[in-house]
Amino acid sequence: MACELSTGFTLDCKDGIGGIKQIVLLDQSLVTGITLDSSQVITAIAGPTDADLYTYELPTQTGSFEETINFNRDNGTVFYTQTVNVMLHKLSAAKRKELQTVAQARVIVFVQDTNSNWWAVGYEYGADLSTATAGTGTALGDANGYTLAFTHEAAVRAYKLNGAPASVIG
């Protein structure tokens, strides 16, 4: 089967910025289905309610989302690795306990980038909290908190949402 190209791209305006504002976690097992529009944007998520969403607000310039295309020429396969990196300020017993639970769960990580786009990472199999580091720093000006990395591998790219997670679930 031949894969045909369908479009080109013009040079975009210089109005996009890097980073992420926040992430919202959802237990992946609660999702019973999604609705996609013709552009493959999520317009509805069936199963969960607002009470199932957990927001992690992030300090400025402490989070990132990236997606890598992986190709295996020998096997003729293409898959995508999505990674969400975040930092939470201040060590605490409550955060420690919650992050232990997150590490054991399969979650969808909804990412709001600084351009106010929302992305769903982990819809297919659930993203994993692949690394979590707690640190006090050394000097008074060093960070004190948690550095987290969520990863997910899938046959499709991360889906964009039609709005904030609360507006598309239910």
C-alpha atoms as a PDB file:
ATOM      1  CA  MET A   1       0.000   0.000   0.000  1.00  0.00           C
ATOM      2  CA  ALA A   2       1.417   3.386  -1.006  1.00  0.00           C
ATOM      3  CA  CYS A   3       1.186   6.260   1.440  1.00  0.00           C
ATOM      4  CA  GLU A   4       0.417   9.452  -0.457  1.00  0.00           C
ATOM      5  CA  LEU A   5       1.383  12.911   0.730  1.00  0.00           C
ATOM      6  CA  SER A   6      -1.603  15.207   1.082  1.00  0.00           C
ATOM      7  CA  THR A   7      -0.410  18.707   1.994  1.00  0.00           C
ATOM      8  CA  GLY A   8       2.464  21.126   2.418  1.00  0.00           C
ATOM      9  CA  PHE A   9       3.038  23.744   5.104  1.00  0.00           C
ATOM     10  CA  THR A  10       3.577  27.472   4.874  1.00  0.00           C
ATOM     11  CA  LEU A  11       5.808  29.393   7.242  1.00  0.00           C
ATOM     12  CA  ASP A  12       3.844  30.093  10.449  1.00  0.00           C
ATOM     13  CA  CYS A  13       3.736  33.379  12.323  1.00  0.00           C
ATOM     14  CA  LYS A  14       6.279  33.783  15.125  1.00  0.00           C
ATOM     15  CA  ASP A  15       3.661  33.650  17.888  1.00  0.00           C
ATOM     16  CA  GLY A  16       4.221  30.245  19.519  1.00  0.00           C
ATOM     17  CA  ILE A  17       6.123  29.829  22.794  1.00  0.00           C
ATOM     18  CA  GLY A  18       7.544  26.831  24.615  1.00  0.00           C
ATOM     19  CA  GLY A  19       6.665  25.124  27.869  1.00  0.00           C
ATOM     20  CA  ILE A  20       3.538  23.892  29.588  1.00  0.00           C
ATOM     21  CA  LYS A  21       1.199  25.522  32.113  1.00  0.00           C
ATOM     22  CA  GLN A  22      -0.324  22.519  33.838  1.00  0.00           C
ATOM     23  CA  ILE A  23      -1.159  18.855  33.582  1.00  0.00           C
ATOM     24  CA  VAL A  24      -4.372  17.073  34.506  1.00  0.00           C
ATOM     25  CA  LEU A  25      -4.298  13.362  35.376  1.00  0.00           C
ATOM     26  CA  LEU A  26      -7.092  10.865  34.755  1.00  0.00           C
ATOM     27  CA  ASP A  27      -7.165   7.134  35.498  1.00  0.00           C
ATOM     28  CA  GLN A  28      -7.079   5.620  31.999  1.00  0.00           C
ATOM     29  CA  SER A  29      -9.307   2.681  33.003  1.00  0.00           C
ATOM     30  CA  LEU A  30     -12.278   5.043  33.496  1.00  0.00           C
ATOM     31  CA  VAL A  31     -12.405   5.973  29.812  1.00  0.00           C
ATOM     32  CA  THR A  32     -14.902   3.960  27.767  1.00  0.00           C
ATOM     33  CA  GLY A  33     -14.391   5.779  24.473  1.00  0.00           C
ATOM     34  CA  ILE A  34     -13.511   8.981  22.673  1.00  0.00           C
ATOM     35  CA  THR A  35     -15.090  10.931  19.839  1.00  0.00           C
ATOM     36  CA  LEU A  36     -12.808  12.451  17.207  1.00  0.00           C
ATOM     37  CA  ASP A  37     -13.710  15.082  14.635  1.00  0.00           C
ATOM     38  CA  SER A  38     -12.501  14.942  11.019  1.00  0.00           C
ATOM     39  CA  SER A  39      -9.162  16.508  12.042  1.00  0.00           C
ATOM     40  CA  GLN A  40      -8.560  13.783  14.656  1.00  0.00           C
ATOM     41  CA  VAL A  41      -9.203  16.212  17.535  1.00  0.00           C
ATOM     42  CA  ILE A  42     -10.934  14.815  20.642  1.00  0.00           C
ATOM     43  CA  THR A  43     -14.369  16.388  21.054  1.00  0.00           C
ATOM     44  CA  ALA A  44     -15.731  14.026  23.737  1.00  0.00           C
ATOM     45  CA  ILE A  45     -14.440  11.476  26.262  1.00  0.00           C
ATOM     46  CA  ALA A  46     -16.962   8.986  27.645  1.00  0.00           C
ATOM     47  CA  GLY A  47     -16.790   7.480  31.125  1.00  0.00           C
ATOM     48  CA  PRO A  48     -15.150   9.819  33.642  1.00  0.00           C
ATOM     49  CA  THR A  49     -16.594  12.856  35.423  1.00  0.00           C
ATOM     50  CA  ASP A  50     -15.063  16.150  36.591  1.00  0.00           C
ATOM     51  CA  ALA A  51     -14.380  14.541  39.995  1.00  0.00           C
ATOM     52  CA  ASP A  52     -11.967  12.095  38.289  1.00  0.00           C
ATOM     53  CA  LEU A  53      -9.622  14.869  37.076  1.00  0.00           C
ATOM     54  CA  TYR A  54      -6.565  15.858  39.142  1.00  0.00           C
ATOM     55  CA  THR A  55      -4.823  19.131  38.264  1.00  0.00           C
ATOM     56  CA  TYR A  56      -1.117  19.743  38.831  1.00  0.00           C
ATOM     57  CA  GLU A  57      -0.326  23.439  38.399  1.00  0.00           C
ATOM     58  CA  LEU A  58       3.267  24.096  37.382  1.00  0.00           C
ATOM     59  CA  PRO A  59       5.666  26.937  38.096  1.00  0.00           C
ATOM     60  CA  THR A  60       6.665  28.875  34.977  1.00  0.00           C
ATOM     61  CA  GLN A  61       9.260  27.180  32.763  1.00  0.00           C
ATOM     62  CA  THR A  62       9.356  23.890  34.678  1.00  0.00           C
ATOM     63  CA  GLY A  63       7.538  21.553  32.295  1.00  0.00           C
ATOM     64  CA  SER A  64       7.760  20.206  28.772  1.00  0.00           C
ATOM     65  CA  PHE A  65       5.966  17.872  26.383  1.00  0.00           C
ATOM     66  CA  GLU A  66       7.659  16.198  23.461  1.00  0.00           C
ATOM     67  CA  GLU A  67       6.769  13.500  20.989  1.00  0.00           C
ATOM     68  CA  THR A  68       9.324  11.446  19.080  1.00  0.00           C
ATOM     69  CA  ILE A  69       8.613   9.506  15.884  1.00  0.00           C
ATOM     70  CA  ASN A  70      10.339   6.108  16.014  1.00  0.00           C
ATOM     71  CA  PHE A  71      10.906   4.088  12.857  1.00  0.00           C
ATOM     72  CA  ASN A  72      12.197   0.527  12.491  1.00  0.00           C
ATOM     73  CA  ARG A  73      13.222  -0.012   8.867  1.00  0.00           C
ATOM     74  CA  ASP A  74      13.741  -3.785   9.311  1.00  0.00           C
ATOM     75  CA  ASN A  75      10.245  -4.338  10.693  1.00  0.00           C
ATOM     76  CA  GLY A  76       8.523  -1.575   8.707  1.00  0.00           C
ATOM     77  CA  THR A  77       6.995  -0.073  11.843  1.00  0.00           C
ATOM     78  CA  VAL A  78       6.395   3.470  13.040  1.00  0.00           C
ATOM     79  CA  PHE A  79       5.417   4.365  16.598  1.00  0.00           C
ATOM     80  CA  TYR A  80       5.513   7.454  18.782  1.00  0.00           C
ATOM     81  CA  THR A  81       7.059   8.072  22.193  1.00  0.00           C
ATOM     82  CA  GLN A  82       5.425  10.861  24.171  1.00  0.00           C
ATOM     83  CA  THR A  83       7.199  12.327  27.199  1.00  0.00           C
ATOM     84  CA  VAL A  84       5.872  14.847  29.714  1.00  0.00           C
ATOM     85  CA  ASN A  85       8.403  16.331  32.155  1.00  0.00           C
ATOM     86  CA  VAL A  86       7.237  18.434  35.107  1.00  0.00           C
ATOM     87  CA  MET A  87       8.547  19.843  38.360  1.00  0.00           C
ATOM     88  CA  LEU A  88       6.546  20.288  41.547  1.00  0.00           C
ATOM     89  CA  HIS A  89       7.941  22.657  44.160  1.00  0.00           C
ATOM     90  CA  LYS A  90       8.427  21.627  47.814  1.00  0.00           C
ATOM     91  CA  LEU A  91       8.802  18.154  49.226  1.00  0.00           C
ATOM     92  CA  SER A  92       5.882  17.006  51.369  1.00  0.00           C
ATOM     93  CA  ALA A  93       4.414  13.840  52.821  1.00  0.00           C
ATOM     94  CA  ALA A  94       1.132  14.402  50.936  1.00  0.00           C
ATOM     95  CA  LYS A  95       2.890  14.745  47.558  1.00  0.00           C
ATOM     96  CA  ARG A  96       5.098  11.744  48.314  1.00  0.00           C
ATOM     97  CA  LYS A  97       2.068   9.572  49.055  1.00  0.00           C
ATOM     98  CA  GLU A  98       0.098  10.739  46.005  1.00  0.00           C
ATOM     99  CA  LEU A  99       3.050  10.270  43.650  1.00  0.00           C
ATOM    100  CA  GLN A 100       3.461   6.715  44.915  1.00  0.00           C
ATOM    101  CA  THR A 101      -0.146   6.056  43.843  1.00  0.00           C
ATOM    102  CA  VAL A 102       0.386   7.790  40.489  1.00  0.00           C
ATOM    103  CA  ALA A 103       3.447   5.570  39.857  1.00  0.00           C
ATOM    104  CA  GLN A 104       1.267   2.466  40.262  1.00  0.00           C
ATOM    105  CA  ALA A 105      -1.551   3.729  38.019  1.00  0.00           C
ATOM    106  CA  ARG A 106      -2.016   3.998  34.267  1.00  0.00           C
ATOM    107  CA  VAL A 107      -3.011   7.575  33.595  1.00  0.00           C
ATOM    108  CA  ILE A 108      -3.936   9.863  30.768  1.00  0.00           C
ATOM    109  CA  VAL A 109      -1.873  13.016  31.115  1.00  0.00           C
ATOM    110  CA  PHE A 110      -3.690  16.019  29.694  1.00  0.00           C
ATOM    111  CA  VAL A 111      -1.090  18.682  28.930  1.00  0.00           C
ATOM    112  CA  GLN A 112      -1.881  22.370  28.550  1.00  0.00           C
ATOM    113  CA  ASP A 113       0.941  24.025  26.666  1.00  0.00           C
ATOM    114  CA  THR A 114       1.742  27.713  27.039  1.00  0.00           C
ATOM    115  CA  ASN A 115      -0.102  28.380  23.772  1.00  0.00           C
ATOM    116  CA  SER A 116      -3.283  27.102  25.542  1.00  0.00           C
ATOM    117  CA  ASN A 117      -3.510  23.891  23.484  1.00  0.00           C
ATOM    118  CA  TRP A 118      -4.531  20.699  25.300  1.00  0.00           C
ATOM    119  CA  TRP A 119      -2.973  17.307  24.430  1.00  0.00           C
ATOM    120  CA  ALA A 120      -3.918  13.796  25.616  1.00  0.00           C
ATOM    121  CA  VAL A 121      -0.936  11.559  26.381  1.00  0.00           C
ATOM    122  CA  GLY A 122      -1.645   7.939  27.275  1.00  0.00           C
ATOM    123  CA  TYR A 123      -5.120   7.379  25.855  1.00  0.00           C
ATOM    124  CA  GLU A 124      -4.276   4.000  24.310  1.00  0.00           C
ATOM    125  CA  TYR A 125      -2.472   2.195  27.144  1.00  0.00           C
ATOM    126  CA  GLY A 126      -2.052   4.717  29.927  1.00  0.00           C
ATOM    127  CA  ALA A 127       1.080   6.773  30.460  1.00  0.00           C
ATOM    128  CA  ASP A 128       3.567   5.635  33.067  1.00  0.00           C
ATOM    129  CA  LEU A 129       5.278   7.745  35.679  1.00  0.00           C
ATOM    130  CA  SER A 130       8.618   6.441  34.417  1.00  0.00           C
ATOM    131  CA  THR A 131      10.864   8.488  36.700  1.00  0.00           C
ATOM    132  CA  ALA A 132      10.279  10.612  39.773  1.00  0.00           C
ATOM    133  CA  THR A 133      13.092  12.280  41.646  1.00  0.00           C
ATOM    134  CA  ALA A 134      12.787  14.049  44.990  1.00  0.00           C
ATOM    135  CA  GLY A 135      15.506  16.528  45.845  1.00  0.00           C
ATOM    136  CA  THR A 136      16.337  19.188  48.410  1.00  0.00           C
ATOM    137  CA  GLY A 137      19.072  20.934  46.424  1.00  0.00           C
ATOM    138  CA  THR A 138      22.311  22.100  48.015  1.00  0.00           C
ATOM    139  CA  ALA A 139      22.381  25.891  47.979  1.00  0.00           C
ATOM    140  CA  LEU A 140      19.637  28.147  49.323  1.00  0.00           C
ATOM    141  CA  GLY A 141      18.584  29.050  45.778  1.00  0.00           C
ATOM    142  CA  ASP A 142      18.341  25.435  44.546  1.00  0.00           C
ATOM    143  CA  ALA A 143      15.065  23.735  43.759  1.00  0.00           C
ATOM    144  CA  ASN A 144      13.335  21.767  46.502  1.00  0.00           C
ATOM    145  CA  GLY A 145      10.725  19.423  45.094  1.00  0.00           C
ATOM    146  CA  TYR A 146       9.916  16.640  42.661  1.00  0.00           C
ATOM    147  CA  THR A 147      10.921  16.127  39.045  1.00  0.00           C
ATOM    148  CA  LEU A 148       8.551  13.770  37.203  1.00  0.00           C
ATOM    149  CA  ALA A 149       8.637  12.151  33.769  1.00  0.00           C
ATOM    150  CA  PHE A 150       5.580  10.475  32.247  1.00  0.00           C
ATOM    151  CA  THR A 151       6.078   8.339  29.117  1.00  0.00           C
ATOM    152  CA  HIS A 152       3.763   6.617  26.666  1.00  0.00           C
ATOM    153  CA  GLU A 153       4.386   4.690  23.461  1.00  0.00           C
ATOM    154  CA  ALA A 154       1.632   4.299  20.882  1.00  0.00           C
ATOM    155  CA  ALA A 155       0.897   3.687  17.218  1.00  0.00           C
ATOM    156  CA  VAL A 156      -0.652   7.160  16.898  1.00  0.00           C
ATOM    157  CA  ARG A 157       0.437  10.642  17.898  1.00  0.00           C
ATOM    158  CA  ALA A 158      -0.939  12.342  20.998  1.00  0.00           C
ATOM    159  CA  TYR A 159      -4.459  13.627  20.365  1.00  0.00           C
ATOM    160  CA  LYS A 160      -5.277  17.319  20.640  1.00  0.00           C
ATOM    161  CA  LEU A 161      -8.392  18.193  22.687  1.00  0.00           C
ATOM    162  CA  ASN A 162     -11.167  20.512  21.545  1.00  0.00           C
ATOM    163  CA  GLY A 163     -10.924  22.326  24.904  1.00  0.00           C
ATOM    164  CA  ALA A 164      -9.958  21.782  28.511  1.00  0.00           C
ATOM    165  CA  PRO A 165     -10.399  18.191  29.804  1.00  0.00           C
ATOM    166  CA  ALA A 166     -13.444  19.115  31.917  1.00  0.00           C
ATOM    167  CA  SER A 167     -15.185  20.425  28.794  1.00  0.00           C
ATOM    168  CA  VAL A 168     -14.825  17.176  26.812  1.00  0.00           C
ATOM    169  CA  ILE A 169     -15.530  14.511  29.464  1.00  0.00           C
ATOM    170  CA  GLY A 170     -18.832  13.151  30.603  1.00  0.00           C
END
